Amino acid sequence: MNNKHIAILALVIANIVWGATSPIMKWALADLQPFTMAFLRFFLAAFILLPFARKQLFIQKKDIFNLAIMALFGVSLSIGLFLLALTTTESINAPLIGSSTPIFVVIISIFFLHEKAKVRTIAGSILGLLGIIVILLNPILEKGLDSSLIGNLLLIASTLTGVVHLFISKKLRNTYSPITLTFYSFLFGSLFFVPLFIGDIVTSGIPTIGMQGFIGITFGALIASAMAHFFFYWSEKYLNPADVSIFAYIPPVVAVLVAIPLLHEKVSELFLIGALLVFVGLYIAEAHKKYHPLHHSR
């Protein structure tokens, strides 16, 4: 087995892990408050990554602020909104809405940065956006107005903060290695969660971590954050962007396969229609080839 074959296997494993993350996090949130989960997960993830990043920890003083803002949008806001969303909506929506990041990147690039785009990119983005709207309105059309709509809106907000993070981190990615940016994103991101973590303690007391919470924190910190990111960045050395992008369709499928037995979530016809529109839109636009996947820290 050569390095390319191993890289493909590593990439498949990483995307399977990221697909399982949302249902496992929702399952674990039955045991922990969202911000407690977020702080413990990313603080531990930064600690786990430290031995691998220790030779690449140097950052210039002028970049500290930008690194902190990058972590604020890419981890603190994005993951905070993501976990809050999971308390009110189904976990299978999360990776599908998250996969629409390239669509929002295209829209922002066209309307705010005045970049030119090909007709197929615009058409694919519109189609994908229609898919997101179907998923967003799914709770209203099936059950009437309930908290699921708020959860879906929070997932969109989480995705948008991840998009902002991509634009902020663009220059930093040309200066620092992926492991350096990931380490500081996790570290600074976890520090931003400290006041909210303290707030959880004040309102709910010192958390008693049961089995579900322990599994969620361990899976999130060790497997979804540290291991999956390591696998992804290692595989990038041996695969071109087109190869890497193919595997972006794995997480939404895995989320469904995990959520059905673990959480007893159901896949509706509207969800399938929305998913199809998103996938076809992404395929047509091919925008995902430009996507940097740090949002998978979810």
Protein backbone atom coordinates (compact mmCIF):
# COMPACT_ATOMS: atom_id res chain seq x y z
CA MET A 1 0.00 0.00 0.00
CA ASN A 2 1.63 3.27 -1.13
CA ASN A 3 1.28 6.71 0.45
CA LYS A 4 -1.56 7.74 -1.86
CA HIS A 5 -3.65 4.72 -0.88
CA ILE A 6 -2.96 5.35 2.79
CA ALA A 7 -3.89 9.02 2.29
CA ILE A 8 -7.23 8.02 0.75
CA LEU A 9 -7.93 5.72 3.71
CA ALA A 10 -6.98 8.50 6.16
CA LEU A 11 -9.27 10.94 4.36
CA VAL A 12 -12.17 8.49 4.40
CA ILE A 13 -11.69 7.93 8.14
CA ALA A 14 -11.53 11.68 8.81
CA ASN A 15 -14.76 12.35 6.94
CA ILE A 16 -16.53 9.41 8.59
CA VAL A 17 -15.52 10.83 11.97
CA TRP A 18 -16.74 14.32 11.04
CA GLY A 19 -20.02 12.85 9.85
CA ALA A 20 -20.56 11.06 13.15
CA THR A 21 -19.71 14.16 15.18
CA SER A 22 -23.08 15.96 15.12
CA PRO A 23 -25.22 13.01 16.31
CA ILE A 24 -22.65 12.06 18.95
CA MET A 25 -22.45 15.65 20.18
CA LYS A 26 -26.26 15.88 20.37
CA TRP A 27 -26.34 12.59 22.28
CA ALA A 28 -23.65 13.86 24.69
CA LEU A 29 -25.45 17.17 25.26
CA ALA A 30 -28.06 15.25 27.26
CA ASP A 31 -25.32 15.09 29.90
CA LEU A 32 -23.61 18.50 29.60
CA GLN A 33 -24.36 22.15 28.92
CA PRO A 34 -23.28 23.26 25.40
CA PHE A 35 -20.60 25.72 26.50
CA THR A 36 -19.18 23.29 29.06
CA MET A 37 -18.89 20.73 26.29
CA ALA A 38 -17.28 23.27 23.94
CA PHE A 39 -14.68 24.49 26.45
CA LEU A 40 -13.60 21.03 27.62
CA ARG A 41 -13.49 19.64 24.11
CA PHE A 42 -11.32 22.32 22.52
CA PHE A 43 -9.07 22.93 25.51
CA LEU A 44 -8.28 19.21 25.59
CA ALA A 45 -7.89 19.13 21.80
CA ALA A 46 -5.30 21.93 21.98
CA PHE A 47 -3.46 20.03 24.73
CA ILE A 48 -3.46 16.86 22.58
CA LEU A 49 -2.11 18.76 19.56
CA LEU A 50 0.62 20.52 21.57
CA PRO A 51 3.30 17.78 21.16
CA PHE A 52 2.77 17.80 17.38
CA ALA A 53 2.78 21.59 17.10
CA ARG A 54 5.50 22.43 19.64
CA LYS A 55 8.19 22.97 16.98
CA GLN A 56 5.89 25.29 15.03
CA LEU A 57 4.43 27.42 17.83
CA PHE A 58 6.20 30.67 16.94
CA ILE A 59 3.88 33.41 15.76
CA GLN A 60 4.64 37.05 15.11
CA LYS A 61 3.18 39.58 17.54
CA LYS A 62 1.37 41.37 14.73
CA ASP A 63 -0.56 38.17 13.95
CA ILE A 64 -1.80 37.42 17.47
CA PHE A 65 -4.89 39.60 17.08
CA ASN A 66 -5.77 38.06 13.72
CA LEU A 67 -5.27 34.56 15.12
CA ALA A 68 -7.58 35.40 18.02
CA ILE A 69 -10.27 36.78 15.68
CA MET A 70 -9.89 33.72 13.46
CA ALA A 71 -10.45 31.48 16.49
CA LEU A 72 -13.39 33.60 17.64
CA PHE A 73 -15.24 33.06 14.34
CA GLY A 74 -13.92 29.63 13.40
CA VAL A 75 -14.31 27.93 16.79
CA SER A 76 -16.02 30.00 19.49
CA LEU A 77 -18.92 31.46 17.50
CA SER A 78 -19.20 28.66 14.96
CA ILE A 79 -19.07 25.79 17.45
CA GLY A 80 -21.04 27.65 20.13
CA LEU A 81 -23.91 28.23 17.69
CA PHE A 82 -23.55 24.67 16.39
CA LEU A 83 -23.93 23.13 19.86
CA LEU A 84 -26.81 25.43 20.78
CA ALA A 85 -28.51 24.40 17.53
CA LEU A 86 -28.20 20.73 18.39
CA THR A 87 -30.29 21.27 21.52
CA THR A 88 -33.29 22.25 19.37
CA THR A 89 -32.94 20.60 15.95
CA GLU A 90 -32.03 17.24 14.46
CA SER A 91 -28.35 16.38 14.17
CA ILE A 92 -28.65 15.19 10.56
CA ASN A 93 -29.23 18.81 9.48
CA ALA A 94 -25.85 19.98 10.79
CA PRO A 95 -23.37 18.37 8.35
CA LEU A 96 -25.66 19.01 5.40
CA ILE A 97 -26.02 22.71 6.16
CA GLY A 98 -22.31 22.81 6.99
CA SER A 99 -21.47 21.31 3.60
CA SER A 100 -23.02 24.39 2.00
CA THR A 101 -20.08 26.53 3.14
CA PRO A 102 -18.69 26.78 -0.43
CA ILE A 103 -22.04 28.13 -1.59
CA PHE A 104 -21.95 30.94 0.97
CA VAL A 105 -18.30 31.60 0.07
CA VAL A 106 -19.32 32.12 -3.56
CA ILE A 107 -22.25 34.38 -2.62
CA ILE A 108 -20.12 36.57 -0.34
CA SER A 109 -17.32 36.70 -2.93
CA ILE A 110 -19.73 37.89 -5.62
CA PHE A 111 -21.84 40.39 -3.67
CA PHE A 112 -19.34 41.77 -1.15
CA LEU A 113 -15.92 41.24 -2.74
CA HIS A 114 -17.17 41.83 -6.30
CA GLU A 115 -15.39 38.78 -7.65
CA LYS A 116 -16.45 37.34 -10.99
CA ALA A 117 -17.87 33.82 -11.14
CA LYS A 118 -18.69 31.40 -13.94
CA VAL A 119 -22.33 30.86 -14.88
CA ARG A 120 -22.19 27.24 -13.67
CA THR A 121 -20.82 28.38 -10.31
CA ILE A 122 -23.68 30.86 -9.89
CA ALA A 123 -26.28 28.31 -11.04
CA GLY A 124 -24.92 25.64 -8.70
CA SER A 125 -24.85 28.05 -5.78
CA ILE A 126 -28.48 29.07 -6.36
CA LEU A 127 -29.52 25.42 -6.53
CA GLY A 128 -27.64 24.61 -3.33
CA LEU A 129 -29.15 27.62 -1.61
CA LEU A 130 -32.63 26.38 -2.53
CA GLY A 131 -31.72 23.08 -0.87
CA ILE A 132 -30.76 24.90 2.32
CA ILE A 133 -34.07 26.80 2.27
CA VAL A 134 -35.97 23.50 1.97
CA ILE A 135 -34.11 22.09 4.98
CA LEU A 136 -34.64 25.33 6.89
CA LEU A 137 -38.40 25.30 6.28
CA ASN A 138 -38.77 21.54 6.71
CA PRO A 139 -39.91 21.78 10.39
CA ILE A 140 -42.61 24.34 9.53
CA LEU A 141 -43.92 22.36 6.57
CA GLU A 142 -44.00 19.07 8.52
CA LYS A 143 -44.78 20.02 12.13
CA GLY A 144 -45.66 23.69 12.16
CA LEU A 145 -43.66 26.43 13.85
CA ASP A 146 -41.41 24.97 16.58
CA SER A 147 -37.91 25.25 18.04
CA SER A 148 -36.42 23.22 15.18
CA LEU A 149 -36.64 26.31 12.97
CA ILE A 150 -34.52 28.24 15.47
CA GLY A 151 -32.03 25.38 15.54
CA ASN A 152 -31.74 25.36 11.75
CA LEU A 153 -31.24 29.14 11.73
CA LEU A 154 -28.48 28.72 14.32
CA LEU A 155 -26.84 26.12 12.07
CA ILE A 156 -26.89 28.60 9.17
CA ALA A 157 -25.43 31.27 11.46
CA SER A 158 -22.76 28.78 12.54
CA THR A 159 -21.90 28.11 8.90
CA LEU A 160 -21.73 31.84 8.11
CA THR A 161 -19.31 32.48 10.98
CA GLY A 162 -17.20 29.67 9.56
CA VAL A 163 -17.21 31.45 6.21
CA VAL A 164 -16.05 34.68 7.87
CA HIS A 165 -13.28 32.65 9.47
CA LEU A 166 -12.15 31.44 6.04
CA PHE A 167 -11.72 34.99 4.76
CA ILE A 168 -9.92 36.10 7.94
CA SER A 169 -7.54 33.14 7.88
CA LYS A 170 -6.68 33.47 4.17
CA LYS A 171 -3.48 35.49 4.72
CA LEU A 172 -2.50 33.52 7.80
CA ARG A 173 -2.62 30.26 5.83
CA ASN A 174 0.14 31.64 3.62
CA THR A 175 2.35 32.30 6.65
CA TYR A 176 1.76 29.45 9.09
CA SER A 177 1.36 25.69 8.78
CA PRO A 178 -2.06 24.02 9.18
CA ILE A 179 -1.04 22.42 12.49
CA THR A 180 -0.04 25.84 13.88
CA LEU A 181 -3.30 27.48 12.86
CA THR A 182 -5.35 24.56 14.14
CA PHE A 183 -3.56 24.54 17.51
CA TYR A 184 -4.04 28.26 18.11
CA SER A 185 -7.63 28.12 16.84
CA PHE A 186 -8.41 25.43 19.40
CA LEU A 187 -6.47 27.18 22.18
CA PHE A 188 -7.83 30.70 21.67
CA GLY A 189 -11.27 29.30 20.86
CA SER A 190 -11.41 27.40 24.13
CA LEU A 191 -10.31 30.51 26.07
CA PHE A 192 -13.19 32.49 24.58
CA PHE A 193 -15.51 29.82 25.99
CA VAL A 194 -14.22 30.31 29.56
CA PRO A 195 -16.74 33.05 30.59
CA LEU A 196 -19.61 30.98 29.17
CA PHE A 197 -18.25 27.85 30.88
CA ILE A 198 -18.18 29.75 34.18
CA GLY A 199 -21.73 30.90 33.45
CA ASP A 200 -22.80 27.26 33.08
CA ILE A 201 -21.25 26.49 36.47
CA VAL A 202 -22.99 29.46 38.11
CA THR A 203 -26.41 28.52 36.71
CA SER A 204 -26.18 24.71 36.81
CA GLY A 205 -23.40 23.95 39.30
CA ILE A 206 -20.16 22.09 38.77
CA PRO A 207 -20.91 19.56 36.01
CA THR A 208 -21.09 15.89 36.84
CA ILE A 209 -19.84 14.21 33.72
CA GLY A 210 -21.68 10.96 33.06
CA MET A 211 -20.96 8.33 30.45
CA GLN A 212 -22.54 10.24 27.55
CA GLY A 213 -20.72 13.46 28.41
CA PHE A 214 -17.40 11.67 28.83
CA ILE A 215 -17.76 9.87 25.51
CA GLY A 216 -18.76 13.12 23.81
CA ILE A 217 -15.78 15.07 25.17
CA THR A 218 -13.34 12.26 24.41
CA PHE A 219 -14.68 11.73 20.91
CA GLY A 220 -14.77 15.47 20.21
CA ALA A 221 -11.32 16.30 21.53
CA LEU A 222 -9.29 13.21 20.64
CA ILE A 223 -10.99 11.82 17.55
CA ALA A 224 -13.03 14.57 15.80
CA SER A 225 -10.59 17.40 16.49
CA ALA A 226 -7.03 16.11 16.96
CA MET A 227 -6.99 12.80 15.07
CA ALA A 228 -9.29 13.70 12.16
CA HIS A 229 -7.47 16.99 11.50
CA PHE A 230 -4.11 15.22 11.63
CA PHE A 231 -5.36 12.59 9.13
CA PHE A 232 -6.77 15.28 6.85
CA TYR A 233 -3.67 17.45 6.71
CA TRP A 234 -1.39 14.44 6.27
CA SER A 235 -3.52 13.16 3.37
CA GLU A 236 -3.37 16.57 1.67
CA LYS A 237 0.35 16.00 1.05
CA TYR A 238 -0.39 13.10 -1.30
CA LEU A 239 -3.74 14.04 -2.87
CA ASN A 240 -4.75 16.93 -5.12
CA PRO A 241 -7.67 19.23 -4.20
CA ALA A 242 -10.03 17.50 -6.65
CA ASP A 243 -9.41 14.15 -4.94
CA VAL A 244 -9.90 15.67 -1.49
CA SER A 245 -13.16 17.37 -2.46
CA ILE A 246 -14.82 14.09 -3.47
CA PHE A 247 -14.91 12.94 0.15
CA ALA A 248 -16.83 16.03 1.32
CA TYR A 249 -20.06 14.17 0.54
CA ILE A 250 -19.36 11.49 3.17
CA PRO A 251 -20.22 13.38 6.42
CA PRO A 252 -23.95 14.04 5.72
CA VAL A 253 -24.47 10.37 4.82
CA VAL A 254 -22.61 9.12 7.90
CA ALA A 255 -24.58 11.51 10.12
CA VAL A 256 -27.83 9.92 8.95
CA LEU A 257 -26.48 6.39 9.49
CA VAL A 258 -25.39 7.25 13.05
CA ALA A 259 -28.35 9.45 14.03
CA ILE A 260 -31.04 6.91 13.13
CA PRO A 261 -29.96 4.21 15.65
CA LEU A 262 -28.40 6.55 18.22
CA LEU A 263 -31.03 9.31 18.36
CA HIS A 264 -33.93 7.69 16.49
CA GLU A 265 -34.04 10.62 14.07
CA LYS A 266 -36.05 10.19 10.89
CA VAL A 267 -35.17 11.17 7.35
CA SER A 268 -38.12 12.94 5.75
CA GLU A 269 -38.85 13.34 2.05
CA LEU A 270 -38.24 17.08 2.32
CA PHE A 271 -34.85 16.45 3.89
CA LEU A 272 -33.92 14.17 0.99
CA ILE A 273 -35.08 16.77 -1.52
CA GLY A 274 -33.04 19.48 0.23
CA ALA A 275 -30.00 17.20 0.43
CA LEU A 276 -30.26 16.38 -3.27
CA LEU A 277 -30.45 20.06 -4.20
CA VAL A 278 -27.41 20.87 -2.03
CA PHE A 279 -25.32 18.00 -3.43
CA VAL A 280 -26.24 18.71 -7.06
CA GLY A 281 -25.61 22.42 -6.50
CA LEU A 282 -22.17 21.74 -5.06
CA TYR A 283 -21.33 19.37 -7.89
CA ILE A 284 -22.35 21.89 -10.55
CA ALA A 285 -20.59 24.82 -8.91
CA GLU A 286 -17.48 22.81 -7.99
CA ALA A 287 -16.94 25.48 -5.35
CA HIS A 288 -15.99 22.88 -2.77
CA LYS A 289 -12.59 22.51 -4.47
CA LYS A 290 -11.64 25.88 -2.99
CA TYR A 291 -12.86 25.06 0.49
CA HIS A 292 -10.58 24.88 3.50
CA PRO A 293 -12.19 22.43 5.95
CA LEU A 294 -11.38 23.84 9.39
CA HIS A 295 -15.16 23.97 10.04
CA HIS A 296 -14.93 20.21 10.48
CA SER A 297 -13.78 20.94 14.01
CA ARG A 298 -17.50 20.61 14.68
